[in-house]
PDB file of N, CA and C in Angstrom:
ATOM      1  N   MET A   1     113.407 130.800 161.068  1.00  0.00           N
ATOM      2  CA  MET A   1     112.350 129.895 161.451  1.00  0.00           C
ATOM      3  C   MET A   1     111.506 129.506 160.250  1.00  0.00           C
ATOM      4  N   ALA A   2     111.329 130.400 159.291  1.00  0.00           N
ATOM      5  CA  ALA A   2     110.534 130.121 158.098  1.00  0.00           C
ATOM      6  C   ALA A   2     111.202 129.046 157.250  1.00  0.00           C
ATOM      7  N   GLN A   3     112.527 128.995 157.259  1.00  0.00           N
ATOM      8  CA  GLN A   3     113.228 127.985 156.484  1.00  0.00           C
ATOM      9  C   GLN A   3     112.986 126.597 157.062  1.00  0.00           C
ATOM     10  N   MET A   4     112.871 126.477 158.320  1.00  0.00           N
ATOM     11  CA  MET A   4     112.611 125.178 158.951  1.00  0.00           C
ATOM     12  C   MET A   4     111.230 124.655 158.545  1.00  0.00           C
ATOM     13  N   VAL A   5     110.270 125.532 158.437  1.00  0.00           N
ATOM     14  CA  VAL A   5     108.917 125.122 158.048  1.00  0.00           C
ATOM     15  C   VAL A   5     108.909 124.657 156.593  1.00  0.00           C
ATOM     16  N   LEU A   6     109.616 125.357 155.717  1.00  0.00           N
ATOM     17  CA  LEU A   6     109.646 124.982 154.315  1.00  0.00           C
ATOM     18  C   LEU A   6     110.342 123.636 154.112  1.00  0.00           C
ATOM     19  N   LEU A   7     111.338 123.318 154.901  1.00  0.00           N
ATOM     20  CA  LEU A   7     112.045 122.053 154.766  1.00  0.00           C
ATOM     21  C   LEU A   7     111.273 120.885 155.360  1.00  0.00           C
ATOM     22  N   ASP A   8     110.278 121.174 156.167  1.00  0.00           N
ATOM     23  CA  ASP A   8     109.535 120.126 156.843  1.00  0.00           C
ATOM     24  C   ASP A   8     108.341 119.637 156.016  1.00  0.00           C
ATOM     25  N   VAL A   9     108.196 120.119 154.785  1.00  0.00           N
ATOM     26  CA  VAL A   9     107.060 119.717 153.952  1.00  0.00           C
ATOM     27  C   VAL A   9     107.300 118.298 153.458  1.00  0.00           C
ATOM     28  N   VAL A  10     106.275 117.469 153.578  1.00  0.00           N
ATOM     29  CA  VAL A  10     106.366 116.075 153.135  1.00  0.00           C
ATOM     30  C   VAL A  10     106.225 116.043 151.615  1.00  0.00           C
ATOM     31  N   PRO A  11     107.118 115.332 150.930  1.00  0.00           N
ATOM     32  CA  PRO A  11     107.004 115.269 149.464  1.00  0.00           C
ATOM     33  C   PRO A  11     105.796 114.433 149.035  1.00  0.00           C
ATOM     34  N   ASP A  12     105.398 114.619 147.779  1.00  0.00           N
ATOM     35  CA  ASP A  12     104.285 113.848 147.231  1.00  0.00           C
ATOM     36  C   ASP A  12     104.640 112.366 147.222  1.00  0.00           C
ATOM     37  N   PRO A  13     103.656 111.527 147.315  1.00  0.00           N
ATOM     38  CA  PRO A  13     103.939 110.082 147.235  1.00  0.00           C
ATOM     39  C   PRO A  13     104.534 109.719 145.870  1.00  0.00           C
ATOM     40  N   VAL A  14     105.242 108.626 145.850  1.00  0.00           N
ATOM     41  CA  VAL A  14     105.904 108.182 144.617  1.00  0.00           C
ATOM     42  C   VAL A  14     104.868 107.750 143.589  1.00  0.00           C
ATOM     43  N   ARG A  15     103.717 107.295 144.036  1.00  0.00           N
ATOM     44  CA  ARG A  15     102.679 106.829 143.116  1.00  0.00           C
ATOM     45  C   ARG A  15     102.249 107.930 142.155  1.00  0.00           C
ATOM     46  N   THR A  16     102.131 109.139 142.639  1.00  0.00           N
ATOM     47  CA  THR A  16     101.688 110.245 141.794  1.00  0.00           C
ATOM     48  C   THR A  16     102.694 110.521 140.689  1.00  0.00           C
ATOM     49  N   GLY A  17     103.949 110.512 141.011  1.00  0.00           N
ATOM     50  CA  GLY A  17     104.984 110.750 140.006  1.00  0.00           C
ATOM     51  C   GLY A  17     105.031 109.646 138.957  1.00  0.00           C
ATOM     52  N   ALA A  18     104.911 108.407 139.403  1.00  0.00           N
ATOM     53  CA  ALA A  18     104.934 107.283 138.466  1.00  0.00           C
ATOM     54  C   ALA A  18     103.695 107.311 137.567  1.00  0.00           C
ATOM     55  N   LEU A  19     102.546 107.616 138.151  1.00  0.00           N
ATOM     56  CA  LEU A  19     101.322 107.695 137.357  1.00  0.00           C
ATOM     57  C   LEU A  19     101.412 108.820 136.331  1.00  0.00           C
ATOM     58  N   LEU A  20     101.942 109.948 136.739  1.00  0.00           N
ATOM     59  CA  LEU A  20     102.111 111.073 135.823  1.00  0.00           C
ATOM     60  C   LEU A  20     103.062 110.712 134.688  1.00  0.00           C
ATOM     61  N   ALA A  21     104.129 110.010 135.012  1.00  0.00           N
ATOM     62  CA  ALA A  21     105.085 109.600 133.981  1.00  0.00           C
ATOM     63  C   ALA A  21     104.438 108.638 132.990  1.00  0.00           C
ATOM     64  N   VAL A  22     103.643 107.701 133.478  1.00  0.00           N
ATOM     65  CA  VAL A  22     102.980 106.736 132.591  1.00  0.00           C
ATOM     66  C   VAL A  22     101.963 107.442 131.703  1.00  0.00           C
ATOM     67  N   VAL A  23     101.191 108.349 132.269  1.00  0.00           N
ATOM     68  CA  VAL A  23     100.192 109.074 131.482  1.00  0.00           C
ATOM     69  C   VAL A  23     100.871 109.915 130.403  1.00  0.00           C
ATOM     70  N   LEU A  24     101.922 110.613 130.749  1.00  0.00           N
ATOM     71  CA  LEU A  24     102.638 111.419 129.757  1.00  0.00           C
ATOM     72  C   LEU A  24     103.275 110.546 128.678  1.00  0.00           C
ATOM     73  N   LEU A  25     103.777 109.387 129.060  1.00  0.00           N
ATOM     74  CA  LEU A  25     104.364 108.463 128.091  1.00  0.00           C
ATOM     75  C   LEU A  25     103.309 107.954 127.107  1.00  0.00           C
ATOM     76  N   VAL A  26     102.140 107.601 127.616  1.00  0.00           N
ATOM     77  CA  VAL A  26     101.068 107.118 126.747  1.00  0.00           C
ATOM     78  C   VAL A  26     100.612 108.225 125.800  1.00  0.00           C
ATOM     79  N   ILE A  27     100.455 109.439 126.317  1.00  0.00           N
ATOM     80  CA  ILE A  27     100.056 110.561 125.458  1.00  0.00           C
ATOM     81  C   ILE A  27     101.114 110.811 124.389  1.00  0.00           C
ATOM     82  N   GLY A  28     102.367 110.752 124.764  1.00  0.00           N
ATOM     83  CA  GLY A  28     103.440 110.943 123.797  1.00  0.00           C
ATOM     84  C   GLY A  28     103.458 109.872 122.722  1.00  0.00           C
ATOM     85  N   LEU A  29     103.239 108.614 123.111  1.00  0.00           N
ATOM     86  CA  LEU A  29     103.221 107.531 122.128  1.00  0.00           C
ATOM     87  C   LEU A  29     102.039 107.671 121.174  1.00  0.00           C
ATOM     88  N   VAL A  30     100.884 108.056 121.689  1.00  0.00           N
ATOM     89  CA  VAL A  30      99.715 108.251 120.821  1.00  0.00           C
ATOM     90  C   VAL A  30      99.970 109.390 119.845  1.00  0.00           C
ATOM     91  N   LEU A  31     100.567 110.472 120.314  1.00  0.00           N
ATOM     92  CA  LEU A  31     100.885 111.584 119.410  1.00  0.00           C
ATOM     93  C   LEU A  31     101.896 111.168 118.342  1.00  0.00           C
ATOM     94  N   LEU A  32     102.903 110.406 118.732  1.00  0.00           N
ATOM     95  CA  LEU A  32     103.883 109.938 117.750  1.00  0.00           C
ATOM     96  C   LEU A  32     103.252 109.020 116.714  1.00  0.00           C
ATOM     97  N   LEU A  33     102.365 108.138 117.148  1.00  0.00           N
ATOM     98  CA  LEU A  33     101.681 107.255 116.206  1.00  0.00           C
ATOM     99  C   LEU A  33     100.788 108.046 115.254  1.00  0.00           C
ATOM    100  N   ALA A  34     100.094 109.048 115.772  1.00  0.00           N
ATOM    101  CA  ALA A  34      99.228 109.871 114.920  1.00  0.00           C
ATOM    102  C   ALA A  34     100.055 110.644 113.898  1.00  0.00           C
ATOM    103  N   ILE A  35     101.160 111.220 114.332  1.00  0.00           N
ATOM    104  CA  ILE A  35     102.023 111.958 113.415  1.00  0.00           C
ATOM    105  C   ILE A  35     102.623 111.010 112.373  1.00  0.00           C
ATOM    106  N   GLY A  36     103.031 109.834 112.798  1.00  0.00           N
ATOM    107  CA  GLY A  36     103.559 108.849 111.854  1.00  0.00           C
ATOM    108  C   GLY A  36     102.531 108.423 110.824  1.00  0.00           C
ATOM    109  N   LEU A  37     101.281 108.261 111.250  1.00  0.00           N
ATOM    110  CA  LEU A  37     100.221 107.889 110.315  1.00  0.00           C
ATOM    111  C   LEU A  37      99.973 108.997 109.303  1.00  0.00           C
ATOM    112  N   VAL A  38      99.958 110.234 109.756  1.00  0.00           N
ATOM    113  CA  VAL A  38      99.749 111.365 108.842  1.00  0.00           C
ATOM    114  C   VAL A  38     100.887 111.449 107.837  1.00  0.00           C
ATOM    115  N   VAL A  39     102.112 111.305 108.296  1.00  0.00           N
ATOM    116  CA  VAL A  39     103.268 111.372 107.389  1.00  0.00           C
ATOM    117  C   VAL A  39     103.223 110.221 106.387  1.00  0.00           C
ATOM    118  N   PHE A  40     102.892 109.021 106.856  1.00  0.00           N
ATOM    119  CA  PHE A  40     102.825 107.856 105.970  1.00  0.00           C
ATOM    120  C   PHE A  40     101.753 108.043 104.900  1.00  0.00           C
ATOM    121  N   LEU A  41     100.568 108.490 105.300  1.00  0.00           N
ATOM    122  CA  LEU A  41      99.487 108.669 104.333  1.00  0.00           C
ATOM    123  C   LEU A  41      99.797 109.791 103.347  1.00  0.00           C
ATOM    124  N   ARG A  42     100.413 110.860 103.814  1.00  0.00           N
ATOM    125  CA  ARG A  42     100.772 111.954 102.906  1.00  0.00           C
ATOM    126  C   ARG A  42     101.831 111.502 101.908  1.00  0.00           C
ATOM    127  N   TYR A  43     102.823 110.739 102.364  1.00  0.00           N
ATOM    128  CA  TYR A  43     103.862 110.235 101.468  1.00  0.00           C
ATOM    129  C   TYR A  43     103.258 109.273 100.449  1.00  0.00           C
ATOM    130  N   ARG A  44     102.350 108.410 100.901  1.00  0.00           N
ATOM    131  CA  ARG A  44     101.713 107.449 100.005  1.00  0.00           C
ATOM    132  C   ARG A  44     100.869 108.169  98.958  1.00  0.00           C
ATOM    133  N   LYS A  45     100.125 109.184  99.373  1.00  0.00           N
ATOM    134  CA  LYS A  45      99.310 109.953  98.437  1.00  0.00           C
ATOM    135  C   LYS A  45     100.193 110.668  97.422  1.00  0.00           C
ATOM    136  N   ARG A  46     101.294 111.207  97.896  1.00  0.00           N
ATOM    137  CA  ARG A  46     102.195 111.929  97.001  1.00  0.00           C
ATOM    138  C   ARG A  46     102.870 110.985  96.006  1.00  0.00           C
ATOM    139  N   SER A  47     103.228 109.770  96.451  1.00  0.00           N
ATOM    140  CA  SER A  47     103.905 108.839  95.558  1.00  0.00           C
ATOM    141  C   SER A  47     102.940 108.224  94.550  1.00  0.00           C
ATOM    142  N   LEU A  48     101.642 108.160  94.886  1.00  0.00           N
ATOM    143  CA  LEU A  48     100.668 107.593  93.960  1.00  0.00           C
ATOM    144  C   LEU A  48     100.047 108.660  93.053  1.00  0.00           C
ATOM    145  N   ARG A  49     100.497 109.893  93.149  1.00  0.00           N
ATOM    146  CA  ARG A  49      99.906 110.977  92.376  1.00  0.00           C
ATOM    147  C   ARG A  49     100.081 110.766  90.876  1.00  0.00           C
ATOM    148  N   HIS A  50     101.213 110.217  90.457  1.00  0.00           N
ATOM    149  CA  HIS A  50     101.508 110.076  89.040  1.00  0.00           C
ATOM    150  C   HIS A  50     101.199 108.690  88.503  1.00  0.00           C
ATOM    151  N   VAL A  51     100.637 107.832  89.307  1.00  0.00           N
ATOM    152  CA  VAL A  51     100.290 106.488  88.858  1.00  0.00           C
ATOM    153  C   VAL A  51      98.945 106.557  88.154  1.00  0.00           C
ATOM    154  N   GLU A  52      98.891 105.993  86.947  1.00  0.00           N
ATOM    155  CA  GLU A  52      97.646 105.986  86.194  1.00  0.00           C
ATOM    156  C   GLU A  52      97.003 104.617  86.284  1.00  0.00           C
ATOM    157  N   ILE A  53      95.694 104.631  86.237  1.00  0.00           N
ATOM    158  CA  ILE A  53      94.960 103.374  86.269  1.00  0.00           C
ATOM    159  C   ILE A  53      95.060 102.733  84.889  1.00  0.00           C
ATOM    160  N   ILE A  54      95.349 101.446  84.860  1.00  0.00           N
ATOM    161  CA  ILE A  54      95.441 100.731  83.594  1.00  0.00           C
ATOM    162  C   ILE A  54      94.023 100.476  83.100  1.00  0.00           C
ATOM    163  N   ARG A  55      93.731 101.003  81.913  1.00  0.00           N
ATOM    164  CA  ARG A  55      92.394 100.844  81.346  1.00  0.00           C
ATOM    165  C   ARG A  55      92.477  99.962  80.107  1.00  0.00           C
ATOM    166  N   SER A  56      91.358  99.363  79.780  1.00  0.00           N
ATOM    167  CA  SER A  56      91.331  98.543  78.573  1.00  0.00           C
ATOM    168  C   SER A  56      91.315  99.447  77.348  1.00  0.00           C
ATOM    169  N   ASP A  57      91.299  98.848  76.159  1.00  0.00           N
ATOM    170  CA  ASP A  57      91.294  99.618  74.919  1.00  0.00           C
ATOM    171  C   ASP A  57      89.993 100.390  74.735  1.00  0.00           C
ATOM    172  N   VAL A  58      88.929  99.903  75.348  1.00  0.00           N
ATOM    173  CA  VAL A  58      87.628 100.563  75.216  1.00  0.00           C
ATOM    174  C   VAL A  58      87.627 101.801  76.107  1.00  0.00           C
ATOM    175  N   GLN A  59      87.202 102.936  75.561  1.00  0.00           N
ATOM    176  CA  GLN A  59      87.241 104.184  76.307  1.00  0.00           C
ATOM    177  C   GLN A  59      86.071 104.326  77.259  1.00  0.00           C
ATOM    178  N   SER A  60      84.872 103.938  76.847  1.00  0.00           N
ATOM    179  CA  SER A  60      83.729 104.076  77.735  1.00  0.00           C
ATOM    180  C   SER A  60      82.983 102.753  77.826  1.00  0.00           C
ATOM    181  N   THR A  61      82.314 102.554  78.909  1.00  0.00           N
ATOM    182  CA  THR A  61      81.578 101.307  79.105  1.00  0.00           C
ATOM    183  C   THR A  61      80.263 101.325  78.348  1.00  0.00           C
ATOM    184  N   ALA A  62      79.746 102.506  77.961  1.00  0.00           N
ATOM    185  CA  ALA A  62      78.485 102.582  77.230  1.00  0.00           C
ATOM    186  C   ALA A  62      78.653 102.036  75.816  1.00  0.00           C
ATOM    187  N   SER A  63      79.792 102.275  75.208  1.00  0.00           N
ATOM    188  CA  SER A  63      80.011 101.807  73.839  1.00  0.00           C
ATOM    189  C   SER A  63      80.685 100.444  73.801  1.00  0.00           C
ATOM    190  N   ALA A  64      80.910  99.865  74.920  1.00  0.00           N
ATOM    191  CA  ALA A  64      81.598  98.576  74.969  1.00  0.00           C
ATOM    192  C   ALA A  64      80.651  97.456  74.556  1.00  0.00           C
ATOM    193  N   PRO A  65      81.173  96.479  73.820  1.00  0.00           N
ATOM    194  CA  PRO A  65      80.322  95.327  73.468  1.00  0.00           C
ATOM    195  C   PRO A  65      80.049  94.492  74.713  1.00  0.00           C
ATOM    196  N   PRO A  66      78.966  93.735  74.734  1.00  0.00           N
ATOM    197  CA  PRO A  66      78.673  92.911  75.908  1.00  0.00           C
ATOM    198  C   PRO A  66      79.793  91.908  76.159  1.00  0.00           C
ATOM    199  N   ALA A  67      80.049  91.640  77.405  1.00  0.00           N
ATOM    200  CA  ALA A  67      81.153  90.755  77.768  1.00  0.00           C
ATOM    201  C   ALA A  67      80.883  89.323  77.327  1.00  0.00           C
ATOM    202  N   HIS A  68      79.637  88.867  77.473  1.00  0.00           N
ATOM    203  CA  HIS A  68      79.275  87.495  77.106  1.00  0.00           C
ATOM    204  C   HIS A  68      78.040  87.553  76.205  1.00  0.00           C
ATOM    205  N   PRO A  69      78.245  87.636  74.890  1.00  0.00           N
ATOM    206  CA  PRO A  69      77.080  87.749  74.002  1.00  0.00           C
ATOM    207  C   PRO A  69      76.212  86.495  73.995  1.00  0.00           C
ATOM    208  N   SER A  70      76.764  85.370  74.395  1.00  0.00           N
ATOM    209  CA  SER A  70      75.977  84.143  74.370  1.00  0.00           C
ATOM    210  C   SER A  70      75.215  83.930  75.689  1.00  0.00           C
ATOM    211  N   ASN A  71      75.228  84.907  76.568  1.00  0.00           N
ATOM    212  CA  ASN A  71      74.527  84.790  77.842  1.00  0.00           C
ATOM    213  C   ASN A  71      73.020  84.889  77.581  1.00  0.00           C
ATOM    214  N   PRO A  72      72.242  83.898  78.000  1.00  0.00           N
ATOM    215  CA  PRO A  72      70.795  83.942  77.709  1.00  0.00           C
ATOM    216  C   PRO A  72      70.065  85.037  78.481  1.00  0.00           C
ATOM    217  N   ASN A  73      70.657  85.563  79.541  1.00  0.00           N
ATOM    218  CA  ASN A  73      69.995  86.611  80.313  1.00  0.00           C
ATOM    219  C   ASN A  73      70.155  87.975  79.671  1.00  0.00           C
ATOM    220  N   GLN A  74      71.026  88.095  78.695  1.00  0.00           N
ATOM    221  CA  GLN A  74      71.245  89.365  78.007  1.00  0.00           C
ATOM    222  C   GLN A  74      70.244  89.482  76.860  1.00  0.00           C
ATOM    223  N   PRO A  75      69.698  90.649  76.590  1.00  0.00           N
ATOM    224  CA  PRO A  75      68.750  90.792  75.463  1.00  0.00           C
ATOM    225  C   PRO A  75      69.467  90.717  74.119  1.00  0.00           C
TER     226      PRO A  75
END
């Protein structure tokens, strides 16, 4: 008799299953995008580690001559 009662249980509506699937899919996509962004930024940082900034011949800006000596606003 107990088996008859267990078989007579009404299943959950289909809406709940579909909603759960959509929510899990969205969470999974957000996690994949976040992981992809972290991997991309780490790879970019690692590849730019050995790139040097191109500097002019002047080593410091304090000893550099003025860019426009004929500028009347410059002392």
